[in-house]
């Protein structure tokens, strides 16, 4: 993505996989995002509750069509 011009069409949400599972949506992805948030200066995500909230938020961003 360039900073000069943002696209006008949204790429998200993507369709939910027919079987309900997406091999791209992994714990590794979740931990990478958690680490990136911490690297940006936010407090570390150290509790299960915070990881669940991050996972739910990421899932809604990726797949939710209720916008």
N, C-alpha and C. Protein backbone atom coordinates (compact mmCIF):
# COMPACT_ATOMS: atom_id res chain seq x y z
N UNK A 1 0.85 -1.17 0.00
CA UNK A 1 0.00 0.00 0.00
C UNK A 1 0.90 1.23 0.00
N UNK A 2 0.57 2.17 -0.85
CA UNK A 2 1.34 3.41 -0.88
C UNK A 2 0.63 4.47 -0.07
N UNK A 3 1.38 5.46 0.33
CA UNK A 3 0.80 6.55 1.10
C UNK A 3 0.26 7.67 0.20
N UNK A 4 0.57 7.61 -1.07
CA UNK A 4 0.13 8.66 -1.98
C UNK A 4 -1.37 8.64 -2.19
N UNK A 5 -1.90 7.47 -2.39
CA UNK A 5 -3.33 7.36 -2.67
C UNK A 5 -3.85 6.05 -2.08
N UNK A 6 -4.90 6.14 -1.34
CA UNK A 6 -5.51 4.94 -0.79
C UNK A 6 -6.55 4.41 -1.76
N UNK A 7 -6.67 3.09 -1.89
CA UNK A 7 -7.70 2.54 -2.77
C UNK A 7 -9.09 2.86 -2.24
N UNK A 8 -10.04 2.97 -3.16
CA UNK A 8 -11.40 3.30 -2.75
C UNK A 8 -12.23 2.07 -2.44
N UNK A 9 -11.88 0.94 -3.03
CA UNK A 9 -12.63 -0.30 -2.78
C UNK A 9 -11.99 -1.04 -1.61
N UNK A 10 -12.82 -1.50 -0.70
CA UNK A 10 -12.32 -2.25 0.46
C UNK A 10 -12.00 -3.69 0.08
N UNK A 11 -10.92 -4.21 0.61
CA UNK A 11 -10.55 -5.61 0.40
C UNK A 11 -11.08 -6.52 1.50
N UNK A 12 -11.57 -5.90 2.56
CA UNK A 12 -12.09 -6.66 3.70
C UNK A 12 -13.51 -6.23 3.98
N UNK A 13 -14.33 -7.11 4.43
CA UNK A 13 -14.04 -8.48 4.84
C UNK A 13 -13.91 -9.41 3.64
N UNK A 14 -13.21 -10.51 3.85
CA UNK A 14 -13.12 -11.56 2.85
C UNK A 14 -14.19 -12.60 3.17
N UNK A 15 -14.58 -13.40 2.18
CA UNK A 15 -15.59 -14.43 2.46
C UNK A 15 -15.10 -15.43 3.51
N UNK A 16 -15.99 -15.82 4.38
CA UNK A 16 -15.68 -16.85 5.36
C UNK A 16 -15.54 -18.18 4.62
N UNK A 17 -14.50 -18.95 4.87
CA UNK A 17 -14.35 -20.24 4.19
C UNK A 17 -15.57 -21.13 4.42
N UNK A 18 -15.91 -21.90 3.40
CA UNK A 18 -17.10 -22.76 3.45
C UNK A 18 -17.06 -23.72 4.63
N UNK A 19 -15.88 -24.24 4.95
CA UNK A 19 -15.77 -25.19 6.06
C UNK A 19 -15.56 -24.48 7.40
N UNK A 20 -15.52 -23.14 7.38
CA UNK A 20 -15.37 -22.38 8.61
C UNK A 20 -13.94 -22.25 9.11
N UNK A 21 -12.98 -22.82 8.38
CA UNK A 21 -11.59 -22.75 8.81
C UNK A 21 -10.73 -22.17 7.70
N UNK A 22 -9.87 -21.26 8.07
CA UNK A 22 -8.96 -20.63 7.12
C UNK A 22 -7.54 -20.92 7.59
N UNK A 23 -6.74 -21.62 6.79
CA UNK A 23 -5.40 -21.98 7.23
C UNK A 23 -4.49 -20.77 7.45
N UNK A 24 -4.89 -19.60 6.96
CA UNK A 24 -4.10 -18.38 7.18
C UNK A 24 -4.33 -17.79 8.56
N UNK A 25 -5.46 -18.09 9.17
CA UNK A 25 -5.83 -17.54 10.47
C UNK A 25 -5.29 -18.48 11.55
N UNK A 26 -4.05 -18.26 11.94
CA UNK A 26 -3.35 -19.18 12.84
C UNK A 26 -2.95 -18.49 14.13
N UNK A 27 -2.51 -19.30 15.09
CA UNK A 27 -1.97 -18.73 16.32
C UNK A 27 -0.71 -17.93 16.01
N UNK A 28 0.06 -18.39 15.02
CA UNK A 28 1.25 -17.65 14.62
C UNK A 28 0.92 -16.24 14.15
N UNK A 29 -0.15 -16.12 13.36
CA UNK A 29 -0.60 -14.80 12.91
C UNK A 29 -0.98 -13.94 14.10
N UNK A 30 -1.73 -14.51 15.01
CA UNK A 30 -2.16 -13.79 16.20
C UNK A 30 -0.96 -13.31 17.02
N UNK A 31 0.02 -14.18 17.24
CA UNK A 31 1.19 -13.81 18.03
C UNK A 31 2.05 -12.77 17.30
N UNK A 32 2.13 -12.87 15.96
CA UNK A 32 2.86 -11.86 15.20
C UNK A 32 2.22 -10.49 15.35
N UNK A 33 0.91 -10.43 15.29
CA UNK A 33 0.21 -9.15 15.45
C UNK A 33 0.38 -8.63 16.88
N UNK A 34 0.28 -9.51 17.86
CA UNK A 34 0.48 -9.10 19.25
C UNK A 34 1.88 -8.53 19.44
N UNK A 35 2.87 -9.17 18.85
CA UNK A 35 4.25 -8.69 18.96
C UNK A 35 4.41 -7.34 18.26
N UNK A 36 3.76 -7.17 17.12
CA UNK A 36 3.83 -5.90 16.38
C UNK A 36 3.20 -4.77 17.19
N UNK A 37 2.10 -5.06 17.86
CA UNK A 37 1.45 -4.06 18.72
C UNK A 37 2.41 -3.64 19.83
N UNK A 38 3.06 -4.62 20.44
CA UNK A 38 4.03 -4.32 21.50
C UNK A 38 5.21 -3.52 20.94
N UNK A 39 5.70 -3.89 19.75
CA UNK A 39 6.82 -3.17 19.14
C UNK A 39 6.47 -1.71 18.85
N UNK A 40 5.19 -1.43 18.67
CA UNK A 40 4.74 -0.05 18.40
C UNK A 40 4.65 0.77 19.68
N UNK A 41 4.93 0.15 20.83
CA UNK A 41 4.96 0.89 22.08
C UNK A 41 3.78 0.66 23.00
N UNK A 42 2.87 -0.22 22.60
CA UNK A 42 1.74 -0.55 23.47
C UNK A 42 2.19 -1.59 24.49
N UNK A 43 1.45 -1.71 25.61
CA UNK A 43 1.82 -2.72 26.61
C UNK A 43 1.76 -4.13 26.00
N UNK A 44 2.59 -5.02 26.48
CA UNK A 44 2.58 -6.39 25.95
C UNK A 44 1.25 -7.08 26.23
N UNK A 45 0.88 -7.95 25.32
CA UNK A 45 -0.33 -8.76 25.49
C UNK A 45 0.11 -10.04 26.18
N UNK A 46 -0.20 -10.14 27.47
CA UNK A 46 0.35 -11.24 28.27
C UNK A 46 -0.71 -12.15 28.86
N UNK A 47 -1.98 -11.79 28.75
CA UNK A 47 -3.02 -12.63 29.35
C UNK A 47 -3.84 -13.31 28.27
N UNK A 48 -4.40 -14.44 28.63
CA UNK A 48 -5.28 -15.16 27.72
C UNK A 48 -6.47 -14.32 27.30
N UNK A 49 -6.99 -13.54 28.24
CA UNK A 49 -8.15 -12.69 27.95
C UNK A 49 -7.81 -11.69 26.84
N UNK A 50 -6.63 -11.07 26.91
CA UNK A 50 -6.23 -10.12 25.88
C UNK A 50 -6.03 -10.81 24.53
N UNK A 51 -5.45 -12.01 24.54
CA UNK A 51 -5.27 -12.74 23.29
C UNK A 51 -6.61 -13.12 22.66
N UNK A 52 -7.56 -13.52 23.48
CA UNK A 52 -8.89 -13.86 22.96
C UNK A 52 -9.54 -12.63 22.35
N UNK A 53 -9.44 -11.50 23.02
CA UNK A 53 -10.02 -10.26 22.49
C UNK A 53 -9.36 -9.87 21.17
N UNK A 54 -8.04 -10.01 21.08
CA UNK A 54 -7.33 -9.71 19.84
C UNK A 54 -7.78 -10.65 18.73
N UNK A 55 -7.91 -11.94 19.04
CA UNK A 55 -8.34 -12.93 18.06
C UNK A 55 -9.74 -12.61 17.56
N UNK A 56 -10.65 -12.29 18.46
CA UNK A 56 -12.03 -11.96 18.07
C UNK A 56 -12.07 -10.72 17.19
N UNK A 57 -11.29 -9.71 17.57
CA UNK A 57 -11.26 -8.47 16.80
C UNK A 57 -10.69 -8.71 15.40
N UNK A 58 -9.63 -9.48 15.32
CA UNK A 58 -9.03 -9.80 14.03
C UNK A 58 -9.99 -10.60 13.16
N UNK A 59 -10.69 -11.55 13.76
CA UNK A 59 -11.66 -12.35 13.02
C UNK A 59 -12.77 -11.46 12.46
N UNK A 60 -13.29 -10.56 13.28
CA UNK A 60 -14.35 -9.65 12.81
C UNK A 60 -13.83 -8.79 11.67
N UNK A 61 -12.62 -8.27 11.79
CA UNK A 61 -12.05 -7.45 10.72
C UNK A 61 -11.94 -8.26 9.43
N UNK A 62 -11.45 -9.50 9.52
CA UNK A 62 -11.22 -10.30 8.32
C UNK A 62 -12.50 -10.82 7.68
N UNK A 63 -13.47 -11.23 8.48
CA UNK A 63 -14.60 -11.97 7.93
C UNK A 63 -15.98 -11.37 8.15
N UNK A 64 -16.15 -10.47 9.09
CA UNK A 64 -17.49 -9.98 9.42
C UNK A 64 -18.06 -9.13 8.30
N UNK A 65 -19.28 -9.42 7.93
CA UNK A 65 -19.96 -8.63 6.90
C UNK A 65 -21.00 -7.72 7.50
N UNK A 66 -21.07 -7.64 8.82
CA UNK A 66 -22.03 -6.77 9.51
C UNK A 66 -21.40 -5.41 9.74
N UNK A 67 -21.31 -4.62 8.69
CA UNK A 67 -20.70 -3.29 8.81
C UNK A 67 -21.67 -2.25 8.38
